[in-house]
Amino acid sequence: ICPKIEKPQALTNIDGIIAKSEALMVARGDLGVELGVDRVPFAQKLLIKKAKDAGLFVITATQMVESMIEQPVPTRAEVSDLQNAIWDGSDAVMLSGEAASGKYPLEAVRAEAAAALEAESVKDLLMPRIVGDVCVDEGNKLQEMDDSKRRTKVVASLGPASWSEEMIPKMIEAGTDIFRLNCSHRRGGDFERVYPLIRKTAAEMGRKVEVLGDLQGPKFRVAELEGEPVMLNNGDTFEFGICKDDNDNIRPGRITMKPTIEQKALVKACQPGTALLIEDGIMEVKVIEKLSDTELKVEVVRGGKLKARKGVNVPDVEIDCAALTEKDIEDAEFLLQLEPPIEYICVSFAQKGQDLQELIDIMDRLRIPAEKRPKICPKIEKPQALTNIDGIIAKSEALMVARGDLGVELGVDRVPFAQKLLIKKAKDAGLFVITATQMVESMIEQPVPTRAEVSDLQNAIWDGSDAVMLSGEAASGKYPLEAVRAEAAAALEAESVKDLLMPRIVGDVCVDEGNKLQEMDDSKRRTKVVASLGPASWSEEMIP
């Protein structure tokens, strides 16, 4: 007998329910409607602990990998939510519409299985959130509604959806504490227009609003296409090299990159066996022969349709090039001379302390006085940064866990554990920590966050994050104001119960543990995957 916990009354009467049960399902759909989505993650932890103490088999369900109804891969938030449920003690994780009616039922099962296996591989390194006896009815406490008590900052990336004269005051009113100027999209005087607008509006509203300037960093992309997109089939061999001239574009048998300093350094650093990930890891090729410093021979490991200007990541290689490109230096000079000064400046793809020294050198050259220097905030996006974290932290006042590229390079299933290690290490060093990327990704298209997104965000705060960031949700999404409000409300509620939860990681922390090899042997997996059957999965062909 497995009761589904979907009503607040069940939290009050949990002892009687457990006495007649052998299993228990935390059914977050209706529970989120009845309790409010922001109260579900804490209630979920209480329920799992209580049920496990009583020897029950526990299933966590609803909106686990909801994005996979339409997409073949889960978001960073979904993987984090699922792994936190396992670290809390769940015996099983469930698929609803993802398996019953979604476009990718097999991929959804594989995604949950892989995330669960990886979570189990580090579970012994993490402490329980809740110790001792537990009163599940605490999950019914009134929701905290006084936003003036909120300490966690909401960072909103500016873009066409949010940077108009009409929207800036609304974004501040909704709860934005820090606006992000993303230099990847700096063009046509937008920053020159919006920066004074932010300062003027905040002053008029009597609100403290800070600004973060985000340098793009070295970008690695394939070149243009000669004709149609090129099919990469598993096992095919291709030439992979730097463009020999302006006409050396991508074509069947050859993949090229433009001859920038950074991209030449990337190709030069590759050796036989090096993996190159294309388009956020959707495709992968492996170097089988190094022909020269600018030419490789590669074999397709994971194929797909290659289009122009798609990103390239090389997880296994520390690329020997300056952290700041010509564009970054120009953008840094612009940001550093703004009046009043910006509060934070991000260095993308920081791999070592020296990468931040390049920015300090620019500040020295411009003679920026100490009191006008923004806090340096490295974005942790490369596995090498985990190895070299001490040197990075020594030159920083803040740190951003940038889960987008980090998830491509490490693999999405290794990010939640690495995130916890990074937050703990940075907080121990007194840094201001921002957790970023795919926090409430569904809100680009929907006016409310999923259960997984709220859970991921609150767990980041319980781990010690000082700020949570919105990217596309605020810059280009349909619901920028709702996204700010959703993050602010979830953060406020998380803070209201933080004192009741124990830290996951205690004592000294070795961040490089986040680079441990991913666990791939599914025969070791103990967590069960529950798949709901429906038209997408119940045919004679699909069951096996």
Protein backbone atom coordinates (compact mmCIF):
# COMPACT_ATOMS: atom_id res chain seq x y z
CA ILE A 1 0.00 0.00 0.00
CA CYS A 2 1.46 3.32 -1.16
CA PRO A 3 -0.40 6.51 -0.16
CA LYS A 4 0.14 9.53 -2.39
CA ILE A 5 0.79 12.57 -0.23
CA GLU A 6 -1.04 15.42 -2.00
CA LYS A 7 -2.98 17.21 0.77
CA PRO A 8 -1.74 19.37 3.68
CA GLN A 9 -3.91 17.26 6.01
CA ALA A 10 -1.71 14.24 5.22
CA LEU A 11 1.27 16.01 6.78
CA THR A 12 -0.70 16.48 10.01
CA ASN A 13 -1.92 12.86 10.06
CA ILE A 14 1.25 11.24 8.72
CA ASP A 15 1.74 8.82 11.65
CA GLY A 16 -1.63 7.16 11.07
CA ILE A 17 -1.00 7.00 7.31
CA ILE A 18 2.45 5.44 7.72
CA ALA A 19 1.11 2.85 10.19
CA LYS A 20 -1.01 1.30 7.42
CA SER A 21 1.52 1.64 4.57
CA GLU A 22 4.53 -0.16 3.15
CA ALA A 23 5.48 2.61 0.72
CA LEU A 24 4.87 6.34 0.26
CA MET A 25 4.75 8.67 -2.75
CA VAL A 26 5.54 12.38 -2.48
CA ALA A 27 3.13 13.46 -5.24
CA ARG A 28 4.32 17.01 -5.85
CA GLY A 29 1.70 17.99 -8.44
CA ASP A 30 -1.40 18.39 -6.31
CA LEU A 31 0.70 18.90 -3.18
CA GLY A 32 2.15 21.98 -4.89
CA VAL A 33 -1.33 23.26 -5.72
CA GLU A 34 -2.57 22.76 -2.17
CA LEU A 35 0.55 23.85 -0.21
CA GLY A 36 1.96 26.26 -2.80
CA VAL A 37 5.00 25.25 -4.86
CA ASP A 38 7.45 27.11 -2.60
CA ARG A 39 6.53 25.00 0.44
CA VAL A 40 6.86 21.62 -1.31
CA PRO A 41 10.69 21.08 -1.18
CA PHE A 42 10.86 21.39 2.62
CA ALA A 43 7.73 19.24 3.09
CA GLN A 44 9.27 16.68 0.70
CA LYS A 45 12.41 16.41 2.85
CA LEU A 46 10.32 15.95 6.02
CA LEU A 47 8.16 13.27 4.37
CA ILE A 48 11.10 11.30 2.98
CA LYS A 49 12.91 11.31 6.35
CA LYS A 50 9.79 10.26 8.29
CA ALA A 51 8.91 7.49 5.83
CA LYS A 52 12.47 6.14 5.66
CA ASP A 53 12.73 6.10 9.47
CA ALA A 54 9.60 3.90 9.41
CA GLY A 55 11.14 1.52 6.85
CA LEU A 56 8.90 2.52 3.93
CA PHE A 57 9.83 2.49 0.22
CA VAL A 58 9.72 6.13 -0.91
CA ILE A 59 8.91 7.43 -4.41
CA THR A 60 9.39 11.10 -5.36
CA ALA A 61 7.12 12.06 -8.26
CA THR A 62 5.80 14.80 -10.57
CA GLN A 63 7.68 17.22 -12.82
CA MET A 64 10.99 15.44 -12.23
CA VAL A 65 12.24 15.92 -15.81
CA GLU A 66 9.20 17.75 -17.20
CA SER A 67 11.18 19.47 -19.98
CA MET A 68 11.78 16.03 -21.52
CA ILE A 69 8.18 15.89 -22.70
CA GLU A 70 9.50 18.16 -25.50
CA GLN A 71 13.34 17.96 -25.25
CA PRO A 72 15.76 14.99 -25.43
CA VAL A 73 17.86 16.15 -22.43
CA PRO A 74 16.94 17.33 -18.90
CA THR A 75 17.71 20.83 -17.60
CA ARG A 76 20.35 21.53 -14.94
CA ALA A 77 17.58 22.22 -12.40
CA GLU A 78 15.86 18.89 -13.08
CA VAL A 79 19.02 16.84 -12.56
CA SER A 80 19.80 18.77 -9.37
CA ASP A 81 16.27 18.25 -8.00
CA LEU A 82 16.34 14.51 -8.77
CA GLN A 83 19.75 13.99 -7.17
CA ASN A 84 18.77 15.98 -4.08
CA ALA A 85 15.72 13.72 -3.70
CA ILE A 86 18.03 10.68 -3.74
CA TRP A 87 20.47 12.28 -1.30
CA ASP A 88 17.45 12.89 0.97
CA GLY A 89 16.63 9.17 0.86
CA SER A 90 14.20 8.52 -2.02
CA ASP A 91 14.21 4.91 -3.20
CA ALA A 92 12.59 5.71 -6.54
CA VAL A 93 12.01 8.63 -8.91
CA MET A 94 9.00 8.76 -11.18
CA LEU A 95 8.22 9.80 -14.74
CA SER A 96 4.67 10.94 -15.50
CA GLY A 97 3.90 12.62 -18.83
CA GLU A 98 7.57 12.32 -19.78
CA ALA A 99 7.09 8.55 -20.24
CA ALA A 100 3.34 8.34 -20.87
CA SER A 101 2.85 10.92 -23.62
CA GLY A 102 6.15 12.74 -24.19
CA LYS A 103 8.31 12.76 -27.32
CA TYR A 104 11.32 11.16 -25.59
CA PRO A 105 10.16 8.38 -23.23
CA LEU A 106 13.31 6.25 -23.61
CA GLU A 107 15.65 9.21 -23.19
CA ALA A 108 13.71 10.24 -20.06
CA VAL A 109 14.17 6.81 -18.48
CA ARG A 110 17.88 6.83 -19.35
CA ALA A 111 18.27 10.38 -17.99
CA GLU A 112 16.70 9.50 -14.63
CA ALA A 113 18.72 6.29 -14.38
CA ALA A 114 22.02 8.04 -15.16
CA ALA A 115 21.36 10.92 -12.75
CA ALA A 116 20.34 8.47 -10.00
CA LEU A 117 23.44 6.30 -10.50
CA GLU A 118 25.75 9.33 -10.29
CA ALA A 119 23.94 10.64 -7.18
CA GLU A 120 24.44 7.29 -5.43
CA SER A 121 28.17 7.32 -6.24
CA VAL A 122 28.76 10.36 -3.99
CA LYS A 123 25.98 9.89 -1.43
CA ASP A 124 28.40 8.69 1.28
CA LEU A 125 30.28 12.02 1.01
CA LEU A 126 27.17 14.05 1.93
CA MET A 127 25.50 14.56 5.28
CA PRO A 128 21.75 14.19 5.85
CA ARG A 129 19.80 17.47 5.83
CA ILE A 130 17.53 16.39 8.70
CA VAL A 131 18.68 14.50 11.77
CA GLY A 132 16.76 13.19 14.77
CA ASP A 133 13.00 12.97 15.11
CA VAL A 134 10.97 14.88 12.57
CA CYS A 135 7.59 16.62 12.83
CA VAL A 136 6.19 16.46 9.29
CA ASP A 137 3.45 18.93 10.20
CA GLU A 138 6.17 21.63 10.21
CA GLY A 139 5.73 21.48 6.42
CA ASN A 140 2.32 23.14 6.96
CA LYS A 141 3.83 26.27 8.50
CA LEU A 142 2.50 29.47 6.95
CA GLN A 143 4.40 30.64 3.89
CA GLU A 144 6.74 33.59 4.54
CA MET A 145 5.32 36.54 2.56
CA ASP A 146 7.33 39.53 3.84
CA ASP A 147 9.84 40.15 1.05
CA SER A 148 11.65 42.78 3.16
CA LYS A 149 13.13 39.85 5.14
CA ARG A 150 14.72 38.26 2.06
CA ARG A 151 18.53 38.17 2.09
CA THR A 152 19.13 36.11 -1.07
CA LYS A 153 19.64 38.37 -4.09
CA VAL A 154 17.87 37.87 -7.42
CA VAL A 155 20.14 38.54 -10.41
CA ALA A 156 18.24 39.37 -13.63
CA SER A 157 19.98 39.33 -17.02
CA LEU A 158 18.90 42.27 -19.13
CA GLY A 159 17.75 41.94 -22.73
CA PRO A 160 14.90 42.84 -25.08
CA ALA A 161 12.25 41.48 -22.67
CA SER A 162 13.39 43.58 -19.72
CA TRP A 163 15.60 46.58 -20.53
CA SER A 164 13.06 49.14 -21.72
CA GLU A 165 12.32 52.32 -19.78
CA GLU A 166 8.93 50.86 -18.94
CA MET A 167 10.28 47.49 -17.72
CA ILE A 168 13.26 48.50 -15.53
CA PRO A 169 11.10 49.93 -12.69
CA LYS A 170 8.78 46.91 -12.92
CA MET A 171 11.76 44.53 -12.70
CA ILE A 172 12.99 46.34 -9.58
CA GLU A 173 9.51 46.34 -8.07
CA ALA A 174 9.22 42.58 -8.77
CA GLY A 175 12.34 41.95 -6.66
CA THR A 176 15.47 42.34 -8.82
CA ASP A 177 18.52 43.13 -6.65
CA ILE A 178 21.27 42.87 -9.29
CA PHE A 179 21.01 43.51 -13.04
CA ARG A 180 23.39 41.56 -15.29
CA LEU A 181 24.84 43.22 -18.38
CA ASN A 182 25.83 40.32 -20.63
CA CYS A 183 28.68 41.51 -22.86
CA SER A 184 27.97 38.68 -25.32
CA HIS A 185 25.08 40.91 -26.43
CA ARG A 186 26.75 44.32 -26.11
CA ARG A 187 26.02 46.25 -29.28
CA GLY A 188 24.48 49.42 -30.66
CA GLY A 189 24.60 51.58 -27.53
CA ASP A 190 22.20 49.41 -25.46
CA PHE A 191 24.43 49.43 -22.35
CA GLU A 192 25.10 53.16 -22.69
CA ARG A 193 21.33 53.71 -22.62
CA VAL A 194 20.31 51.22 -19.95
CA TYR A 195 23.05 51.77 -17.32
CA PRO A 196 22.08 55.37 -16.40
CA LEU A 197 18.43 54.27 -16.54
CA ILE A 198 19.06 51.59 -13.87
CA ARG A 199 20.87 54.03 -11.56
CA LYS A 200 18.27 56.80 -12.01
CA THR A 201 15.27 54.47 -11.56
CA ALA A 202 16.71 52.77 -8.46
CA ALA A 203 17.46 56.17 -6.89
CA GLU A 204 13.94 57.44 -7.61
CA MET A 205 12.46 54.26 -6.08
CA GLY A 206 14.77 54.43 -3.05
CA ARG A 207 16.03 50.90 -3.75
CA LYS A 208 19.57 49.51 -3.58
CA VAL A 209 20.14 47.87 -6.96
CA GLU A 210 23.56 46.60 -8.04
CA VAL A 211 24.98 45.87 -11.50
CA LEU A 212 27.08 42.94 -12.68
CA GLY A 213 29.06 43.17 -15.92
CA ASP A 214 29.68 39.77 -17.53
CA LEU A 215 32.62 39.46 -19.95
CA GLN A 216 32.00 36.95 -22.75
CA GLY A 217 35.35 35.13 -22.56
CA PRO A 218 36.86 33.01 -25.33
CA LYS A 219 34.12 31.46 -27.48
CA PHE A 220 34.87 28.42 -29.58
CA ARG A 221 32.61 27.85 -32.58
CA VAL A 222 32.70 25.92 -35.84
CA ALA A 223 32.84 28.07 -38.98
CA GLU A 224 30.22 28.75 -41.67
CA LEU A 225 28.64 26.10 -43.90
CA GLU A 226 29.59 25.74 -47.54
CA GLY A 227 26.07 24.50 -48.33
CA GLU A 228 23.45 22.53 -46.39
CA PRO A 229 23.97 21.31 -42.79
CA VAL A 230 26.38 18.35 -42.74
CA MET A 231 25.34 14.98 -41.31
CA LEU A 232 27.84 13.49 -38.86
CA ASN A 233 27.24 9.73 -38.67
CA ASN A 234 28.72 7.59 -35.89
CA GLY A 235 32.05 6.13 -37.02
CA ASP A 236 32.63 8.65 -39.86
CA THR A 237 36.07 10.23 -40.06
CA PHE A 238 36.44 13.95 -40.78
CA GLU A 239 39.19 16.49 -41.15
CA PHE A 240 38.93 19.08 -38.34
CA GLY A 241 41.06 22.18 -38.74
CA ILE A 242 41.54 25.92 -38.81
CA CYS A 243 40.17 27.62 -41.96
CA LYS A 244 42.96 27.88 -44.56
CA ASP A 245 41.22 30.83 -46.23
CA ASP A 246 37.84 32.60 -46.30
CA ASN A 247 36.35 29.86 -48.49
CA ASP A 248 37.39 26.94 -46.27
CA ASN A 249 33.91 26.30 -44.84
CA ILE A 250 32.23 23.23 -43.34
CA ARG A 251 31.41 20.54 -45.92
CA PRO A 252 31.06 16.73 -46.00
CA GLY A 253 34.35 15.31 -44.75
CA ARG A 254 35.67 18.58 -43.25
CA ILE A 255 34.81 20.65 -40.14
CA THR A 256 36.54 24.03 -39.77
CA MET A 257 36.96 26.84 -37.23
CA LYS A 258 37.89 30.49 -37.94
CA PRO A 259 41.57 31.38 -37.28
CA THR A 260 41.21 33.35 -34.01
CA ILE A 261 44.01 33.24 -31.41
CA GLU A 262 41.79 31.23 -29.06
CA GLN A 263 40.63 28.71 -31.66
CA LYS A 264 44.18 28.10 -32.91
CA ALA A 265 45.17 27.41 -29.27
CA LEU A 266 42.28 24.94 -28.92
CA VAL A 267 43.28 22.90 -31.99
CA LYS A 268 46.96 23.04 -31.00
CA ALA A 269 46.13 21.67 -27.52
CA CYS A 270 44.30 18.61 -28.89
CA GLN A 271 46.00 15.21 -28.86
CA PRO A 272 44.90 11.75 -30.05
CA GLY A 273 42.07 10.73 -27.73
CA THR A 274 40.88 14.31 -27.03
CA ALA A 275 37.07 14.63 -27.15
CA LEU A 276 35.52 17.68 -28.83
CA LEU A 277 31.89 18.39 -27.94
CA ILE A 278 29.77 20.29 -30.46
CA GLU A 279 26.49 22.18 -29.84
CA ASP A 280 26.36 21.76 -26.04
CA GLY A 281 27.51 18.16 -26.29
CA ILE A 282 24.73 17.02 -28.64
CA MET A 283 27.50 15.82 -30.98
CA GLU A 284 30.95 14.46 -30.08
CA VAL A 285 34.04 13.76 -32.16
CA LYS A 286 37.32 12.25 -30.94
CA VAL A 287 40.79 13.04 -32.25
CA ILE A 288 42.34 9.94 -33.86
CA GLU A 289 45.38 11.65 -35.42
CA LYS A 290 47.13 15.01 -35.03
CA LEU A 291 48.33 16.08 -38.48
CA SER A 292 49.74 19.47 -37.41
CA ASP A 293 49.12 22.31 -34.93
CA THR A 294 46.16 23.40 -37.09
CA GLU A 295 44.85 20.10 -38.53
CA LEU A 296 43.31 17.04 -36.88
CA LYS A 297 41.67 13.85 -38.03
CA VAL A 298 38.59 13.02 -35.95
CA GLU A 299 36.08 10.19 -35.65
CA VAL A 300 32.39 10.82 -34.93
CA VAL A 301 31.43 9.31 -31.55
CA ARG A 302 27.93 10.83 -31.28
CA GLY A 303 26.48 12.09 -34.53
CA GLY A 304 23.92 14.66 -35.57
CA LYS A 305 23.25 17.43 -38.06
CA LEU A 306 26.03 20.04 -37.94
CA LYS A 307 24.95 23.63 -38.56
CA ALA A 308 27.02 26.83 -38.81
CA ARG A 309 28.60 28.60 -35.80
CA LYS A 310 27.72 25.92 -33.22
CA GLY A 311 29.74 25.95 -29.99
CA VAL A 312 32.72 23.67 -29.33
CA ASN A 313 33.82 22.49 -25.86
CA VAL A 314 37.00 20.56 -24.99
CA PRO A 315 36.57 19.31 -21.41
CA ASP A 316 39.86 17.42 -21.09
CA VAL A 317 42.16 20.26 -22.15
CA GLU A 318 43.45 23.39 -20.42
CA ILE A 319 43.62 25.76 -23.38
CA ASP A 320 46.78 27.84 -23.41
CA CYS A 321 45.42 31.25 -24.33
CA ALA A 322 44.61 34.50 -22.57
CA ALA A 323 41.39 34.42 -20.54
CA LEU A 324 40.40 37.82 -21.94
CA THR A 325 39.93 38.25 -25.70
CA GLU A 326 40.31 41.56 -27.53
CA LYS A 327 36.53 42.01 -27.18
CA ASP A 328 36.73 41.28 -23.43
CA ILE A 329 39.47 43.89 -22.93
CA GLU A 330 37.39 46.49 -24.77
CA ASP A 331 34.26 45.53 -22.80
CA ALA A 332 36.19 45.57 -19.48
CA GLU A 333 37.52 49.06 -20.22
CA PHE A 334 33.94 50.22 -20.91
CA LEU A 335 32.54 48.61 -17.73
CA LEU A 336 35.37 49.84 -15.49
CA GLN A 337 34.86 53.46 -16.49
CA LEU A 338 31.13 53.62 -15.80
CA GLU A 339 29.97 56.15 -13.20
CA PRO A 340 28.93 55.26 -10.59
CA PRO A 341 31.10 52.06 -10.73
CA ILE A 342 29.52 48.66 -11.29
CA GLU A 343 29.57 46.33 -8.28
CA TYR A 344 30.65 43.03 -9.91
CA ILE A 345 32.59 41.97 -13.02
CA CYS A 346 32.56 38.36 -14.26
CA VAL A 347 35.41 36.56 -16.00
CA SER A 348 34.06 33.70 -18.13
CA PHE A 349 35.75 30.29 -18.44
CA ALA A 350 38.29 31.06 -15.67
CA GLN A 351 40.64 28.08 -15.44
CA LYS A 352 43.28 29.39 -12.99
CA GLY A 353 44.17 32.39 -10.83
CA GLN A 354 46.27 33.97 -13.57
CA ASP A 355 43.12 34.37 -15.68
CA LEU A 356 41.81 36.87 -13.11
CA GLN A 357 45.16 38.65 -12.90
CA GLU A 358 44.59 39.77 -16.51
CA LEU A 359 41.54 41.74 -15.33
CA ILE A 360 43.43 43.14 -12.30
CA ASP A 361 46.15 44.30 -14.71
CA ILE A 362 43.56 46.26 -16.72
CA MET A 363 42.30 47.91 -13.51
CA ASP A 364 45.91 48.82 -12.66
CA ARG A 365 46.53 50.20 -16.14
CA LEU A 366 43.38 52.35 -15.97
CA ARG A 367 44.40 53.43 -12.45
CA ILE A 368 41.01 52.47 -10.99
CA PRO A 369 41.19 53.33 -7.25
CA ALA A 370 40.55 50.48 -4.83
CA GLU A 371 37.17 51.85 -3.66
CA LYS A 372 35.87 51.98 -7.25
CA ARG A 373 36.96 48.47 -8.26
CA PRO A 374 34.12 46.01 -8.81
CA LYS A 375 34.22 42.64 -7.07
CA ILE A 376 35.90 40.09 -9.36
CA CYS A 377 33.58 37.13 -9.98
CA PRO A 378 35.01 34.13 -11.88
CA LYS A 379 32.46 31.96 -13.69
CA ILE A 380 33.22 28.31 -13.00
CA GLU A 381 32.55 26.56 -16.32
CA LYS A 382 35.58 24.28 -16.86
CA PRO A 383 36.68 21.11 -15.00
CA GLN A 384 40.16 22.66 -14.73
CA ALA A 385 38.70 25.39 -12.49
CA LEU A 386 37.75 22.75 -9.89
CA THR A 387 41.38 21.58 -9.80
CA ASN A 388 42.75 25.13 -9.55
CA ILE A 389 40.04 26.57 -7.29
CA ASP A 390 42.38 27.79 -4.53
CA GLY A 391 44.29 30.05 -6.92
CA ILE A 392 41.03 31.33 -8.39
CA ILE A 393 39.46 32.09 -5.01
CA ALA A 394 42.62 33.92 -3.87
CA LYS A 395 42.03 36.61 -6.51
CA SER A 396 38.21 36.80 -6.20
CA GLU A 397 35.56 38.47 -4.06
CA ALA A 398 32.64 36.55 -5.58
CA LEU A 399 32.06 33.32 -7.54
CA MET A 400 29.45 32.15 -10.03
CA VAL A 401 28.56 28.48 -10.50
CA ALA A 402 27.76 28.76 -14.22
CA ARG A 403 25.97 25.49 -14.82
CA GLY A 404 25.47 25.82 -18.57
CA ASP A 405 28.97 25.24 -19.93
CA LEU A 406 29.97 23.41 -16.74
CA GLY A 407 27.24 20.87 -17.54
CA VAL A 408 28.51 20.46 -21.09
CA GLU A 409 32.11 19.97 -19.96
CA LEU A 410 31.52 17.86 -16.81
CA GLY A 411 28.28 16.23 -17.95
CA VAL A 412 24.97 17.37 -16.43
CA ASP A 413 24.90 14.52 -13.91
CA ARG A 414 28.16 15.62 -12.26
CA VAL A 415 27.15 19.27 -11.84
CA PRO A 416 24.96 19.14 -8.67
CA PHE A 417 27.73 17.58 -6.54
CA ALA A 418 30.38 19.93 -7.99
CA GLN A 419 28.00 22.84 -7.28
CA LYS A 420 27.75 21.88 -3.60
CA LEU A 421 31.56 21.61 -3.31
CA LEU A 422 32.07 24.99 -5.01
CA ILE A 423 29.49 26.79 -2.86
CA LYS A 424 30.95 25.38 0.38
CA LYS A 425 34.55 26.23 -0.62
CA ALA A 426 33.68 29.77 -1.75
CA LYS A 427 31.54 30.48 1.33
CA ASP A 428 34.33 29.25 3.64
CA ALA A 429 36.58 31.82 1.92
CA GLY A 430 34.03 34.61 2.48
CA LEU A 431 33.01 35.02 -1.17
CA PHE A 432 29.60 36.13 -2.49
CA VAL A 433 28.19 33.11 -4.38
CA ILE A 434 25.80 33.18 -7.34
CA THR A 435 24.16 30.01 -8.70
CA ALA A 436 23.20 30.43 -12.34
CA THR A 437 21.76 28.85 -15.51
CA GLN A 438 18.50 27.02 -16.09
CA MET A 439 17.18 27.95 -12.64
CA VAL A 440 13.58 28.46 -13.82
CA GLU A 441 14.12 27.72 -17.52
CA SER A 442 10.48 26.68 -18.11
CA MET A 443 9.46 30.30 -17.37
CA ILE A 444 10.84 31.40 -20.73
CA GLU A 445 7.52 29.99 -22.02
CA GLN A 446 5.36 29.46 -18.89
CA PRO A 447 4.19 31.90 -16.15
CA VAL A 448 4.99 29.51 -13.25
CA PRO A 449 8.08 27.40 -12.39
CA THR A 450 8.04 23.60 -12.21
CA ARG A 451 8.33 21.66 -8.95
CA ALA A 452 11.89 20.65 -9.91
CA GLU A 453 12.97 24.24 -10.53
CA VAL A 454 11.74 25.48 -7.13
CA SER A 455 13.40 22.51 -5.42
CA ASP A 456 16.72 23.12 -7.22
CA LEU A 457 16.67 26.82 -6.34
CA GLN A 458 15.88 26.23 -2.68
CA ASN A 459 18.54 23.54 -2.36
CA ALA A 460 21.09 26.00 -3.80
CA ILE A 461 20.13 28.46 -1.03
CA TRP A 462 20.23 25.77 1.66
CA ASP A 463 23.76 24.95 0.40
CA GLY A 464 24.78 28.59 0.94
CA SER A 465 24.18 30.52 -2.31
CA ASP A 466 23.86 34.27 -1.76
CA ALA A 467 22.17 34.90 -5.10
CA VAL A 468 20.23 33.06 -7.80
CA MET A 469 20.30 34.18 -11.40
CA LEU A 470 17.88 34.49 -14.29
CA SER A 471 19.33 34.26 -17.81
CA GLY A 472 17.00 33.89 -20.80
CA GLU A 473 14.03 33.89 -18.43
CA ALA A 474 14.56 37.63 -17.78
CA ALA A 475 16.44 38.69 -20.93
CA SER A 476 14.24 37.25 -23.66
CA GLY A 477 11.45 35.19 -22.07
CA LYS A 478 7.71 35.81 -22.15
CA TYR A 479 7.42 36.25 -18.36
CA PRO A 480 10.39 38.26 -17.01
CA LEU A 481 8.47 39.83 -14.11
CA GLU A 482 6.90 36.54 -13.07
CA ALA A 483 10.35 34.89 -13.20
CA VAL A 484 11.80 37.51 -10.81
CA ARG A 485 8.83 37.12 -8.46
CA ALA A 486 9.08 33.32 -8.58
CA GLU A 487 12.78 33.33 -7.64
CA ALA A 488 12.24 35.92 -4.91
CA ALA A 489 9.31 34.00 -3.37
CA ALA A 490 11.11 30.63 -3.49
CA ALA A 491 14.25 32.19 -1.95
CA LEU A 492 12.30 33.86 0.85
CA GLU A 493 10.55 30.60 1.75
CA ALA A 494 13.84 28.66 1.64
CA GLU A 495 15.42 31.13 4.09
CA SER A 496 12.48 30.76 6.50
CA VAL A 497 13.34 27.09 7.18
CA LYS A 498 17.12 27.14 6.61
CA ASP A 499 17.88 27.00 10.35
CA LEU A 500 15.99 23.68 10.56
CA LEU A 501 18.28 21.98 8.03
CA MET A 502 21.81 20.68 8.44
CA PRO A 503 24.62 21.45 5.97
CA ARG A 504 25.25 18.71 3.40
CA ILE A 505 29.03 19.14 3.55
CA VAL A 506 31.02 19.71 6.75
CA GLY A 507 34.72 20.25 7.33
CA ASP A 508 37.34 20.97 4.70
CA VAL A 509 36.33 20.35 1.12
CA CYS A 510 38.35 19.19 -1.90
CA VAL A 511 36.54 20.72 -4.88
CA ASP A 512 38.54 18.56 -7.30
CA GLU A 513 36.43 15.61 -6.09
CA GLY A 514 33.81 17.05 -8.47
CA ASN A 515 36.06 15.87 -11.32
CA LYS A 516 35.79 12.22 -10.32
CA LEU A 517 34.90 9.97 -13.25
CA GLN A 518 31.19 9.58 -13.85
CA GLU A 519 29.74 6.27 -12.67
CA MET A 520 28.63 4.38 -15.83
CA ASP A 521 27.89 0.85 -14.55
CA ASP A 522 24.09 0.78 -14.32
CA SER A 523 24.18 -2.64 -12.66
CA LYS A 524 25.26 -0.79 -9.48
CA ARG A 525 22.16 1.43 -9.43
CA ARG A 526 19.83 0.89 -6.45
CA THR A 527 17.37 3.75 -7.05
CA LYS A 528 14.36 2.58 -9.07
CA VAL A 529 12.98 4.45 -12.07
CA VAL A 530 9.15 4.42 -12.20
CA ALA A 531 7.73 5.03 -15.69
CA SER A 532 4.05 5.91 -16.19
CA LEU A 533 2.59 4.08 -19.17
CA GLY A 534 0.62 5.74 -21.94
CA PRO A 535 0.44 6.09 -25.72
CA ALA A 536 4.14 6.97 -25.96
CA SER A 537 5.33 3.86 -24.12
CA TRP A 538 2.80 1.02 -23.87
CA SER A 539 3.02 -0.55 -27.29
CA GLU A 540 4.36 -4.07 -27.85
CA GLU A 541 7.37 -2.44 -29.50
CA MET A 542 8.11 0.06 -26.70
CA ILE A 543 7.74 -2.09 -23.54
CA PRO A 544 11.01 -4.02 -24.13
